[in-house]
PDB file of N, CA and C in Angstrom:
ATOM      1  N   MET A   1     -11.925  -8.621 -16.796  1.00  0.00           N
ATOM      2  CA  MET A   1     -11.665  -8.709 -14.900  1.00  0.00           C
ATOM      3  C   MET A   1     -11.379  -9.677 -14.629  1.00  0.00           C
ATOM      4  N   SER A   2     -11.523 -11.341 -14.372  1.00  0.00           N
ATOM      5  CA  SER A   2     -11.478 -11.713 -13.641  1.00  0.00           C
ATOM      6  C   SER A   2     -10.177 -12.146 -13.773  1.00  0.00           C
ATOM      7  N   GLY A   3      -9.657 -12.368 -15.327  1.00  0.00           N
ATOM      8  CA  GLY A   3      -8.612 -12.818 -15.402  1.00  0.00           C
ATOM      9  C   GLY A   3      -7.222 -11.404 -14.401  1.00  0.00           C
ATOM     10  N   MET A   4      -8.070 -10.552 -14.401  1.00  0.00           N
ATOM     11  CA  MET A   4      -6.933  -9.989 -13.673  1.00  0.00           C
ATOM     12  C   MET A   4      -6.936 -10.295 -12.296  1.00  0.00           C
ATOM     13  N   VAL A   5      -8.199 -10.559 -11.525  1.00  0.00           N
ATOM     14  CA  VAL A   5      -7.872 -10.604 -10.326  1.00  0.00           C
ATOM     15  C   VAL A   5      -7.760 -12.157 -10.178  1.00  0.00           C
ATOM     16  N   SER A   6      -7.762 -13.112 -10.858  1.00  0.00           N
ATOM     17  CA  SER A   6      -6.948 -14.438 -10.519  1.00  0.00           C
ATOM     18  C   SER A   6      -5.324 -13.572 -10.609  1.00  0.00           C
ATOM     19  N   ARG A   7      -4.628 -13.382 -11.963  1.00  0.00           N
ATOM     20  CA  ARG A   7      -3.364 -12.843 -11.791  1.00  0.00           C
ATOM     21  C   ARG A   7      -2.862 -12.209 -10.363  1.00  0.00           C
ATOM     22  N   VAL A   8      -4.013 -11.469 -10.178  1.00  0.00           N
ATOM     23  CA  VAL A   8      -3.203 -10.837  -8.288  1.00  0.00           C
ATOM     24  C   VAL A   8      -3.622 -10.938  -7.310  1.00  0.00           C
ATOM     25  N   MET A   9      -4.529 -12.550  -7.719  1.00  0.00           N
ATOM     26  CA  MET A   9      -4.090 -13.888  -6.561  1.00  0.00           C
ATOM     27  C   MET A   9      -3.612 -14.761  -6.314  1.00  0.00           C
ATOM     28  N   SER A  10      -2.733 -14.924  -7.427  1.00  0.00           N
ATOM     29  CA  SER A  10      -1.554 -15.564  -7.591  1.00  0.00           C
ATOM     30  C   SER A  10      -0.255 -15.484  -7.264  1.00  0.00           C
ATOM     31  N   ALA A  11      -0.719 -13.757  -7.569  1.00  0.00           N
ATOM     32  CA  ALA A  11       0.711 -13.099  -6.835  1.00  0.00           C
ATOM     33  C   ALA A  11       0.680 -13.106  -5.868  1.00  0.00           C
ATOM     34  N   ALA A  12      -0.146 -12.924  -4.951  1.00  0.00           N
ATOM     35  CA  ALA A  12      -0.555 -12.870  -3.541  1.00  0.00           C
ATOM     36  C   ALA A  12       0.122 -13.900  -3.166  1.00  0.00           C
ATOM     37  N   LYS A  13      -0.066 -15.485  -3.575  1.00  0.00           N
ATOM     38  CA  LYS A  13       0.608 -16.442  -2.612  1.00  0.00           C
ATOM     39  C   LYS A  13       2.148 -16.834  -2.863  1.00  0.00           C
ATOM     40  N   LYS A  14       2.405 -15.552  -3.414  1.00  0.00           N
ATOM     41  CA  LYS A  14       3.714 -15.647  -3.780  1.00  0.00           C
ATOM     42  C   LYS A  14       4.814 -14.919  -3.150  1.00  0.00           C
ATOM     43  N   TYR A  15       3.746 -13.692  -2.261  1.00  0.00           N
ATOM     44  CA  TYR A  15       4.074 -12.692  -0.925  1.00  0.00           C
ATOM     45  C   TYR A  15       4.898 -13.065  -0.284  1.00  0.00           C
ATOM     46  N   THR A  16       6.143 -12.486   0.129  1.00  0.00           N
ATOM     47  CA  THR A  16       7.032 -12.665   1.597  1.00  0.00           C
ATOM     48  C   THR A  16       6.265 -11.851   2.518  1.00  0.00           C
ATOM     49  N   MET A  17       7.087 -12.132   4.039  1.00  0.00           N
ATOM     50  CA  MET A  17       6.294 -11.475   4.968  1.00  0.00           C
ATOM     51  C   MET A  17       6.631  -9.849   5.236  1.00  0.00           C
ATOM     52  N   VAL A  18       7.701  -9.691   4.661  1.00  0.00           N
ATOM     53  CA  VAL A  18       8.283  -8.191   3.771  1.00  0.00           C
ATOM     54  C   VAL A  18       6.883  -7.552   2.683  1.00  0.00           C
ATOM     55  N   ASP A  19       7.042  -8.244   1.995  1.00  0.00           N
ATOM     56  CA  ASP A  19       5.499  -7.406   1.165  1.00  0.00           C
ATOM     57  C   ASP A  19       4.116  -7.272   1.787  1.00  0.00           C
ATOM     58  N   TYR A  20       3.456  -8.450   3.040  1.00  0.00           N
ATOM     59  CA  TYR A  20       3.019  -8.233   3.911  1.00  0.00           C
ATOM     60  C   TYR A  20       2.921  -7.295   4.260  1.00  0.00           C
ATOM     61  N   GLY A  21       4.299  -6.711   4.877  1.00  0.00           N
ATOM     62  CA  GLY A  21       4.573  -5.630   5.899  1.00  0.00           C
ATOM     63  C   GLY A  21       4.496  -4.079   5.061  1.00  0.00           C
ATOM     64  N   PHE A  22       4.730  -4.213   4.267  1.00  0.00           N
ATOM     65  CA  PHE A  22       4.387  -3.413   3.235  1.00  0.00           C
ATOM     66  C   PHE A  22       3.240  -3.011   2.678  1.00  0.00           C
ATOM     67  N   PHE A  23       2.016  -4.139   2.725  1.00  0.00           N
ATOM     68  CA  PHE A  23       0.773  -3.971   2.613  1.00  0.00           C
ATOM     69  C   PHE A  23       0.255  -3.384   3.744  1.00  0.00           C
ATOM     70  N   LYS A  24       0.723  -3.488   4.525  1.00  0.00           N
ATOM     71  CA  LYS A  24       0.056  -3.295   5.860  1.00  0.00           C
ATOM     72  C   LYS A  24       0.250  -1.895   6.423  1.00  0.00           C
ATOM     73  N   PHE A  25       1.643  -0.964   5.680  1.00  0.00           N
ATOM     74  CA  PHE A  25       2.159  -0.139   5.831  1.00  0.00           C
ATOM     75  C   PHE A  25       0.719   0.623   4.945  1.00  0.00           C
ATOM     76  N   LEU A  26       0.811  -0.346   3.857  1.00  0.00           N
ATOM     77  CA  LEU A  26      -0.210   0.665   2.712  1.00  0.00           C
ATOM     78  C   LEU A  26      -1.794   0.751   3.230  1.00  0.00           C
ATOM     79  N   MET A  27      -2.594   0.367   4.100  1.00  0.00           N
ATOM     80  CA  MET A  27      -3.705   0.397   4.447  1.00  0.00           C
ATOM     81  C   MET A  27      -3.720   1.123   5.308  1.00  0.00           C
ATOM     82  N   ILE A  28      -2.879   0.881   6.389  1.00  0.00           N
ATOM     83  CA  ILE A  28      -2.200   1.848   7.559  1.00  0.00           C
ATOM     84  C   ILE A  28      -2.276   3.201   7.063  1.00  0.00           C
ATOM     85  N   SER A  29      -1.367   3.514   6.275  1.00  0.00           N
ATOM     86  CA  SER A  29      -1.187   5.098   5.410  1.00  0.00           C
ATOM     87  C   SER A  29      -2.512   5.727   5.123  1.00  0.00           C
ATOM     88  N   ILE A  30      -3.053   5.226   4.535  1.00  0.00           N
ATOM     89  CA  ILE A  30      -4.791   5.419   3.570  1.00  0.00           C
ATOM     90  C   ILE A  30      -5.280   5.785   4.407  1.00  0.00           C
ATOM     91  N   GLY A  31      -5.612   5.088   5.837  1.00  0.00           N
ATOM     92  CA  GLY A  31      -6.353   4.946   7.289  1.00  0.00           C
ATOM     93  C   GLY A  31      -6.339   6.290   7.507  1.00  0.00           C
ATOM     94  N   ILE A  32      -4.748   7.271   7.701  1.00  0.00           N
ATOM     95  CA  ILE A  32      -4.131   8.080   8.420  1.00  0.00           C
ATOM     96  C   ILE A  32      -4.360   9.313   7.257  1.00  0.00           C
ATOM     97  N   LEU A  33      -4.180   8.936   6.005  1.00  0.00           N
ATOM     98  CA  LEU A  33      -4.258   9.924   5.268  1.00  0.00           C
ATOM     99  C   LEU A  33      -6.287  10.688   5.447  1.00  0.00           C
ATOM    100  N   LEU A  34      -7.245   9.722   5.392  1.00  0.00           N
ATOM    101  CA  LEU A  34      -8.271  10.043   5.296  1.00  0.00           C
ATOM    102  C   LEU A  34      -8.480  10.722   6.918  1.00  0.00           C
ATOM    103  N   GLY A  35      -8.219  10.112   8.043  1.00  0.00           N
ATOM    104  CA  GLY A  35      -7.701  11.087   9.329  1.00  0.00           C
ATOM    105  C   GLY A  35      -7.294  11.924   9.192  1.00  0.00           C
ATOM    106  N   VAL A  36      -6.183  12.341   8.858  1.00  0.00           N
ATOM    107  CA  VAL A  36      -5.724  13.511   8.817  1.00  0.00           C
ATOM    108  C   VAL A  36      -6.385  14.653   7.755  1.00  0.00           C
ATOM    109  N   TYR A  37      -6.991  14.593   6.995  1.00  0.00           N
ATOM    110  CA  TYR A  37      -7.782  15.605   6.224  1.00  0.00           C
ATOM    111  C   TYR A  37      -8.910  15.863   7.365  1.00  0.00           C
ATOM    112  N   PHE A  38      -9.225  15.126   8.285  1.00  0.00           N
ATOM    113  CA  PHE A  38     -10.464  15.453   8.799  1.00  0.00           C
ATOM    114  C   PHE A  38     -10.368  16.119  10.635  1.00  0.00           C
ATOM    115  N   ASN A  39      -8.436  16.035  10.560  1.00  0.00           N
ATOM    116  CA  ASN A  39      -8.445  16.910  11.932  1.00  0.00           C
ATOM    117  C   ASN A  39      -6.984  17.925  11.597  1.00  0.00           C
ATOM    118  N   GLU A  40      -7.309  18.974  12.341  1.00  0.00           N
ATOM    119  CA  GLU A  40      -6.719  20.313  12.053  1.00  0.00           C
ATOM    120  C   GLU A  40      -5.253  20.208  12.515  1.00  0.00           C
ATOM    121  N   ALA A  41      -5.232  19.549  13.344  1.00  0.00           N
ATOM    122  CA  ALA A  41      -4.181  19.342  14.643  1.00  0.00           C
ATOM    123  C   ALA A  41      -3.060  18.416  14.160  1.00  0.00           C
ATOM    124  N   MET A  42      -3.597  17.581  13.203  1.00  0.00           N
ATOM    125  CA  MET A  42      -2.394  16.506  12.646  1.00  0.00           C
ATOM    126  C   MET A  42      -1.987  17.312  10.955  1.00  0.00           C
ATOM    127  N   LYS A  43      -2.512  18.369  10.862  1.00  0.00           N
ATOM    128  CA  LYS A  43      -1.483  18.370   9.135  1.00  0.00           C
ATOM    129  C   LYS A  43      -0.116  18.660   8.964  1.00  0.00           C
ATOM    130  N   SER A  44       0.155  19.268  10.513  1.00  0.00           N
ATOM    131  CA  SER A  44       1.996  19.191  10.588  1.00  0.00           C
ATOM    132  C   SER A  44       2.563  17.814  10.062  1.00  0.00           C
ATOM    133  N   ILE A  45       1.813  16.477   9.950  1.00  0.00           N
ATOM    134  CA  ILE A  45       2.453  15.796   9.647  1.00  0.00           C
ATOM    135  C   ILE A  45       2.079  15.201   8.372  1.00  0.00           C
ATOM    136  N   LEU A  46       1.261  15.823   7.593  1.00  0.00           N
ATOM    137  CA  LEU A  46       1.140  14.969   6.940  1.00  0.00           C
ATOM    138  C   LEU A  46       1.536  15.204   5.796  1.00  0.00           C
ATOM    139  N   TRP A  47       2.736  15.205   5.086  1.00  0.00           N
ATOM    140  CA  TRP A  47       3.989  15.348   4.571  1.00  0.00           C
ATOM    141  C   TRP A  47       4.551  13.907   4.616  1.00  0.00           C
ATOM    142  N   LEU A  48       4.754  13.306   6.091  1.00  0.00           N
ATOM    143  CA  LEU A  48       5.487  11.969   6.318  1.00  0.00           C
ATOM    144  C   LEU A  48       4.545  10.891   6.083  1.00  0.00           C
ATOM    145  N   VAL A  49       2.932  11.023   6.286  1.00  0.00           N
ATOM    146  CA  VAL A  49       2.077  10.592   5.874  1.00  0.00           C
ATOM    147  C   VAL A  49       1.870   9.865   4.702  1.00  0.00           C
ATOM    148  N   TRP A  50       2.027  11.127   4.168  1.00  0.00           N
ATOM    149  CA  TRP A  50       2.369  10.899   2.101  1.00  0.00           C
ATOM    150  C   TRP A  50       3.349   9.834   1.979  1.00  0.00           C
ATOM    151  N   LEU A  51       4.293  10.357   2.330  1.00  0.00           N
ATOM    152  CA  LEU A  51       5.952   9.501   2.515  1.00  0.00           C
ATOM    153  C   LEU A  51       5.371   8.195   2.426  1.00  0.00           C
ATOM    154  N   VAL A  52       5.265   7.736   3.539  1.00  0.00           N
ATOM    155  CA  VAL A  52       4.434   6.284   3.735  1.00  0.00           C
ATOM    156  C   VAL A  52       3.789   5.213   2.924  1.00  0.00           C
ATOM    157  N   PHE A  53       2.848   6.386   2.700  1.00  0.00           N
ATOM    158  CA  PHE A  53       1.665   6.143   1.408  1.00  0.00           C
ATOM    159  C   PHE A  53       1.883   5.330   0.761  1.00  0.00           C
ATOM    160  N   ILE A  54       3.010   6.651  -0.124  1.00  0.00           N
ATOM    161  CA  ILE A  54       3.765   6.558  -1.701  1.00  0.00           C
ATOM    162  C   ILE A  54       4.474   5.539  -1.931  1.00  0.00           C
ATOM    163  N   VAL A  55       5.624   5.056  -1.042  1.00  0.00           N
ATOM    164  CA  VAL A  55       6.304   4.241  -0.692  1.00  0.00           C
ATOM    165  C   VAL A  55       5.837   3.203  -0.286  1.00  0.00           C
ATOM    166  N   SER A  56       4.858   2.619   0.124  1.00  0.00           N
ATOM    167  CA  SER A  56       4.073   1.637   0.439  1.00  0.00           C
ATOM    168  C   SER A  56       3.160   1.064  -0.842  1.00  0.00           C
ATOM    169  N   ALA A  57       2.756   2.020  -1.447  1.00  0.00           N
ATOM    170  CA  ALA A  57       2.284   1.639  -2.586  1.00  0.00           C
ATOM    171  C   ALA A  57       2.924   1.635  -3.571  1.00  0.00           C
ATOM    172  N   ALA A  58       4.256   2.341  -3.760  1.00  0.00           N
ATOM    173  CA  ALA A  58       4.837   1.708  -4.573  1.00  0.00           C
ATOM    174  C   ALA A  58       5.827   0.198  -4.729  1.00  0.00           C
ATOM    175  N   TRP A  59       5.797   0.060  -3.761  1.00  0.00           N
ATOM    176  CA  TRP A  59       6.520  -1.618  -3.317  1.00  0.00           C
ATOM    177  C   TRP A  59       5.467  -2.617  -3.677  1.00  0.00           C
ATOM    178  N   MET A  60       3.915  -2.414  -3.303  1.00  0.00           N
ATOM    179  CA  MET A  60       2.851  -3.195  -3.626  1.00  0.00           C
ATOM    180  C   MET A  60       2.745  -3.424  -5.468  1.00  0.00           C
ATOM    181  N   ILE A  61       3.294  -1.906  -5.725  1.00  0.00           N
ATOM    182  CA  ILE A  61       2.464  -2.063  -7.567  1.00  0.00           C
ATOM    183  C   ILE A  61       3.851  -2.698  -7.887  1.00  0.00           C
ATOM    184  N   TRP A  62       5.176  -2.860  -7.523  1.00  0.00           N
ATOM    185  CA  TRP A  62       6.425  -3.116  -7.933  1.00  0.00           C
ATOM    186  C   TRP A  62       6.545  -4.867  -7.703  1.00  0.00           C
ATOM    187  N   GLN A  63       5.518  -5.115  -6.641  1.00  0.00           N
ATOM    188  CA  GLN A  63       5.948  -6.629  -6.304  1.00  0.00           C
ATOM    189  C   GLN A  63       4.735  -7.100  -7.061  1.00  0.00           C
ATOM    190  N   ILE A  64       3.872  -6.800  -7.677  1.00  0.00           N
ATOM    191  CA  ILE A  64       2.418  -6.771  -7.815  1.00  0.00           C
ATOM    192  C   ILE A  64       3.291  -7.539  -9.391  1.00  0.00           C
ATOM    193  N   TYR A  65       3.979  -6.422 -10.005  1.00  0.00           N
ATOM    194  CA  TYR A  65       4.500  -6.429 -11.709  1.00  0.00           C
ATOM    195  C   TYR A  65       5.351  -7.736 -11.454  1.00  0.00           C
ATOM    196  N   ARG A  66       5.970  -7.754 -10.546  1.00  0.00           N
ATOM    197  CA  ARG A  66       7.311  -8.616 -10.476  1.00  0.00           C
ATOM    198  C   ARG A  66       6.737  -9.770 -10.472  1.00  0.00           C
ATOM    199  N   TYR A  67       5.757 -10.119  -9.715  1.00  0.00           N
ATOM    200  CA  TYR A  67       5.409 -11.983  -9.768  1.00  0.00           C
ATOM    201  C   TYR A  67       4.073 -12.153 -10.559  1.00  0.00           C
ATOM    202  N   THR A  68       3.488 -11.224 -11.691  1.00  0.00           N
ATOM    203  CA  THR A  68       2.874 -11.416 -12.617  1.00  0.00           C
ATOM    204  C   THR A  68       3.318 -11.504 -13.920  1.00  0.00           C
ATOM    205  N   ARG A  69       4.365 -11.476 -14.012  1.00  0.00           N
ATOM    206  CA  ARG A  69       5.546 -11.582 -15.465  1.00  0.00           C
ATOM    207  C   ARG A  69       5.228 -12.842 -15.631  1.00  0.00           C
TER     208      ARG A  69
END
């Protein structure tokens, strides 16, 4: 487990400003997703929030994969 953590930490040292931007979108969108499920009025934009979350998560997974190769 500590080997995986050290690999991810070394990948994080190589992140660019764009990578951190996508990471922030990932964190914001997961927070909005949690909020949307608890608020009936916001369910109309649920598809948009999911789209932002999926794109941000895919970007971060790709960057971690790319930097740890």
